Amino acid sequence: MKELLEYIAKALVDKPDKVEVNEVGEGRSIILQLKVDEADVGKVIGKKGRIANALRVIIKSVATKNGKVAIVQIID
């Protein structure tokens, strides 16, 4: 899941080398913290948060398939 989120985020931003994904996991729960360059935060969030919601849906569906619960946090 970490690799998938990193791959999608790098495709969205102008500075893909600044994309970082940290995985904090406890048992079935996983928190993925996405950090991008300050100038690219808007591109990852999107209008009215639509891109951020789409990222969360994709990651949650992959996590559910693997029997886990995932949360995506966007950190600036």
N, C-alpha and C. Protein backbone atom coordinates (compact mmCIF):
# COMPACT_ATOMS: atom_id res chain seq x y z
N MET A 1 0.81 -1.19 0.00
CA MET A 1 0.00 0.00 0.00
C MET A 1 0.86 1.26 0.00
N LYS A 2 1.95 1.21 0.74
CA LYS A 2 2.84 2.35 0.80
C LYS A 2 3.39 2.67 -0.59
N GLU A 3 3.80 1.65 -1.31
CA GLU A 3 4.35 1.84 -2.64
C GLU A 3 3.30 2.37 -3.61
N LEU A 4 2.07 1.89 -3.49
CA LEU A 4 0.99 2.35 -4.36
C LEU A 4 0.70 3.83 -4.14
N LEU A 5 0.60 4.24 -2.88
CA LEU A 5 0.35 5.65 -2.57
C LEU A 5 1.49 6.52 -3.06
N GLU A 6 2.71 6.07 -2.87
CA GLU A 6 3.88 6.83 -3.33
C GLU A 6 3.89 6.96 -4.86
N TYR A 7 3.55 5.90 -5.55
CA TYR A 7 3.52 5.91 -7.01
C TYR A 7 2.47 6.89 -7.53
N ILE A 8 1.28 6.86 -6.96
CA ILE A 8 0.21 7.76 -7.40
C ILE A 8 0.56 9.21 -7.09
N ALA A 9 1.08 9.46 -5.90
CA ALA A 9 1.43 10.83 -5.50
C ALA A 9 2.53 11.40 -6.39
N LYS A 10 3.51 10.59 -6.74
CA LYS A 10 4.60 11.06 -7.61
C LYS A 10 4.08 11.42 -8.99
N ALA A 11 3.03 10.75 -9.44
CA ALA A 11 2.45 11.06 -10.75
C ALA A 11 1.67 12.37 -10.72
N LEU A 12 1.21 12.79 -9.56
CA LEU A 12 0.38 13.99 -9.45
C LEU A 12 1.18 15.28 -9.28
N VAL A 13 2.35 15.20 -8.67
CA VAL A 13 3.07 16.41 -8.26
C VAL A 13 4.13 16.83 -9.27
N ASP A 14 4.61 18.08 -9.11
CA ASP A 14 5.69 18.60 -9.96
C ASP A 14 7.07 18.19 -9.47
N LYS A 15 7.20 17.95 -8.17
CA LYS A 15 8.48 17.58 -7.59
C LYS A 15 8.38 16.18 -6.97
N PRO A 16 8.45 15.14 -7.81
CA PRO A 16 8.27 13.78 -7.29
C PRO A 16 9.37 13.31 -6.34
N ASP A 17 10.53 13.96 -6.40
CA ASP A 17 11.62 13.56 -5.50
C ASP A 17 11.35 13.97 -4.06
N LYS A 18 10.40 14.87 -3.83
CA LYS A 18 10.08 15.33 -2.48
C LYS A 18 8.94 14.52 -1.83
N VAL A 19 8.40 13.54 -2.54
CA VAL A 19 7.30 12.74 -2.01
C VAL A 19 7.84 11.72 -1.01
N GLU A 20 7.24 11.70 0.18
CA GLU A 20 7.61 10.72 1.20
C GLU A 20 6.35 10.10 1.76
N VAL A 21 6.38 8.79 1.98
CA VAL A 21 5.26 8.10 2.61
C VAL A 21 5.80 7.33 3.79
N ASN A 22 5.28 7.64 4.97
CA ASN A 22 5.66 6.93 6.19
C ASN A 22 4.50 6.05 6.62
N GLU A 23 4.82 4.83 6.99
CA GLU A 23 3.80 3.87 7.40
C GLU A 23 3.90 3.63 8.91
N VAL A 24 2.82 3.93 9.59
CA VAL A 24 2.74 3.69 11.03
C VAL A 24 1.67 2.64 11.22
N GLY A 25 2.06 1.46 11.68
CA GLY A 25 1.10 0.37 11.78
C GLY A 25 1.06 -0.26 13.14
N GLU A 26 -0.15 -0.62 13.52
CA GLU A 26 -0.37 -1.34 14.78
C GLU A 26 -1.38 -2.43 14.49
N GLY A 27 -0.92 -3.65 14.34
CA GLY A 27 -1.84 -4.76 14.08
C GLY A 27 -2.52 -4.61 12.73
N ARG A 28 -3.86 -4.57 12.76
CA ARG A 28 -4.63 -4.46 11.52
C ARG A 28 -4.70 -3.03 11.01
N SER A 29 -4.46 -2.05 11.87
CA SER A 29 -4.59 -0.64 11.48
C SER A 29 -3.26 -0.10 10.95
N ILE A 30 -3.36 0.62 9.85
CA ILE A 30 -2.17 1.23 9.25
C ILE A 30 -2.49 2.69 8.95
N ILE A 31 -1.57 3.56 9.32
CA ILE A 31 -1.69 4.98 8.99
C ILE A 31 -0.58 5.31 8.00
N LEU A 32 -0.97 5.81 6.84
CA LEU A 32 0.00 6.21 5.83
C LEU A 32 0.06 7.73 5.81
N GLN A 33 1.23 8.27 6.13
CA GLN A 33 1.42 9.71 6.17
C GLN A 33 2.12 10.15 4.89
N LEU A 34 1.41 10.93 4.08
CA LEU A 34 1.93 11.40 2.80
C LEU A 34 2.45 12.82 2.97
N LYS A 35 3.72 13.00 2.64
CA LYS A 35 4.36 14.32 2.73
C LYS A 35 4.86 14.70 1.35
N VAL A 36 4.45 15.89 0.89
CA VAL A 36 4.88 16.40 -0.41
C VAL A 36 5.44 17.80 -0.22
N ASP A 37 6.03 18.34 -1.28
CA ASP A 37 6.55 19.69 -1.25
C ASP A 37 5.41 20.68 -1.00
N GLU A 38 5.73 21.76 -0.33
CA GLU A 38 4.72 22.76 0.03
C GLU A 38 3.94 23.27 -1.17
N ALA A 39 4.60 23.40 -2.32
CA ALA A 39 3.94 23.90 -3.53
C ALA A 39 3.00 22.86 -4.15
N ASP A 40 3.16 21.59 -3.81
CA ASP A 40 2.37 20.52 -4.41
C ASP A 40 1.21 20.04 -3.54
N VAL A 41 1.03 20.61 -2.38
CA VAL A 41 -0.03 20.16 -1.47
C VAL A 41 -1.40 20.31 -2.14
N GLY A 42 -1.61 21.42 -2.82
CA GLY A 42 -2.90 21.65 -3.49
C GLY A 42 -3.19 20.63 -4.57
N LYS A 43 -2.17 20.16 -5.25
CA LYS A 43 -2.35 19.16 -6.30
C LYS A 43 -2.75 17.81 -5.73
N VAL A 44 -2.26 17.51 -4.54
CA VAL A 44 -2.58 16.23 -3.92
C VAL A 44 -3.98 16.28 -3.28
N ILE A 45 -4.37 17.45 -2.79
CA ILE A 45 -5.69 17.58 -2.18
C ILE A 45 -6.77 17.76 -3.24
N GLY A 46 -6.53 18.60 -4.22
CA GLY A 46 -7.49 18.81 -5.29
C GLY A 46 -8.62 19.74 -4.89
N LYS A 47 -9.46 20.09 -5.87
CA LYS A 47 -10.61 20.96 -5.61
C LYS A 47 -11.58 20.25 -4.69
N LYS A 48 -11.93 20.95 -3.62
CA LYS A 48 -12.87 20.43 -2.61
C LYS A 48 -12.44 19.07 -2.06
N GLY A 49 -11.15 18.77 -2.14
CA GLY A 49 -10.62 17.53 -1.57
C GLY A 49 -10.92 16.28 -2.36
N ARG A 50 -11.26 16.44 -3.62
CA ARG A 50 -11.66 15.28 -4.43
C ARG A 50 -10.52 14.31 -4.68
N ILE A 51 -9.33 14.81 -4.96
CA ILE A 51 -8.20 13.92 -5.22
C ILE A 51 -7.79 13.21 -3.93
N ALA A 52 -7.79 13.94 -2.82
CA ALA A 52 -7.45 13.32 -1.53
C ALA A 52 -8.46 12.22 -1.19
N ASN A 53 -9.73 12.48 -1.43
CA ASN A 53 -10.75 11.45 -1.17
C ASN A 53 -10.57 10.24 -2.08
N ALA A 54 -10.21 10.48 -3.33
CA ALA A 54 -9.99 9.37 -4.25
C ALA A 54 -8.79 8.53 -3.81
N LEU A 55 -7.73 9.18 -3.35
CA LEU A 55 -6.57 8.45 -2.83
C LEU A 55 -6.97 7.59 -1.64
N ARG A 56 -7.77 8.17 -0.75
CA ARG A 56 -8.20 7.43 0.44
C ARG A 56 -9.06 6.23 0.07
N VAL A 57 -9.94 6.38 -0.91
CA VAL A 57 -10.79 5.27 -1.35
C VAL A 57 -9.95 4.14 -1.94
N ILE A 58 -8.98 4.49 -2.76
CA ILE A 58 -8.12 3.47 -3.38
C ILE A 58 -7.35 2.70 -2.31
N ILE A 59 -6.73 3.43 -1.38
CA ILE A 59 -5.94 2.78 -0.34
C ILE A 59 -6.82 1.95 0.60
N LYS A 60 -8.00 2.47 0.94
CA LYS A 60 -8.91 1.70 1.80
C LYS A 60 -9.36 0.42 1.14
N SER A 61 -9.61 0.46 -0.17
CA SER A 61 -10.05 -0.75 -0.86
C SER A 61 -8.95 -1.81 -0.91
N VAL A 62 -7.71 -1.38 -1.12
CA VAL A 62 -6.59 -2.32 -1.12
C VAL A 62 -6.39 -2.89 0.29
N ALA A 63 -6.52 -2.04 1.29
CA ALA A 63 -6.36 -2.50 2.68
C ALA A 63 -7.44 -3.50 3.05
N THR A 64 -8.67 -3.22 2.66
CA THR A 64 -9.77 -4.13 2.97
C THR A 64 -9.56 -5.48 2.31
N LYS A 65 -9.06 -5.47 1.10
CA LYS A 65 -8.78 -6.72 0.40
C LYS A 65 -7.74 -7.54 1.15
N ASN A 66 -6.81 -6.86 1.82
CA ASN A 66 -5.76 -7.54 2.59
C ASN A 66 -6.15 -7.76 4.05
N GLY A 67 -7.39 -7.43 4.41
CA GLY A 67 -7.85 -7.64 5.78
C GLY A 67 -7.32 -6.62 6.77
N LYS A 68 -7.06 -5.41 6.31
CA LYS A 68 -6.53 -4.36 7.18
C LYS A 68 -7.38 -3.11 7.07
N VAL A 69 -7.11 -2.16 7.94
CA VAL A 69 -7.76 -0.86 7.92
C VAL A 69 -6.67 0.19 7.70
N ALA A 70 -6.87 1.06 6.71
CA ALA A 70 -5.84 2.04 6.37
C ALA A 70 -6.42 3.46 6.41
N ILE A 71 -5.61 4.38 6.89
CA ILE A 71 -5.95 5.80 6.94
C ILE A 71 -4.84 6.55 6.24
N VAL A 72 -5.21 7.50 5.38
CA VAL A 72 -4.23 8.31 4.67
C VAL A 72 -4.27 9.73 5.25
N GLN A 73 -3.11 10.21 5.70
CA GLN A 73 -2.98 11.57 6.20
C GLN A 73 -2.04 12.33 5.28
N ILE A 74 -2.47 13.55 4.91
CA ILE A 74 -1.62 14.39 4.08
C ILE A 74 -0.97 15.43 4.99
N ILE A 75 0.35 15.41 5.04
CA ILE A 75 1.11 16.27 5.92
C ILE A 75 1.88 17.27 5.07
N ASP A 76 1.80 18.55 5.44
CA ASP A 76 2.56 19.55 4.67
C ASP A 76 3.79 19.97 5.39
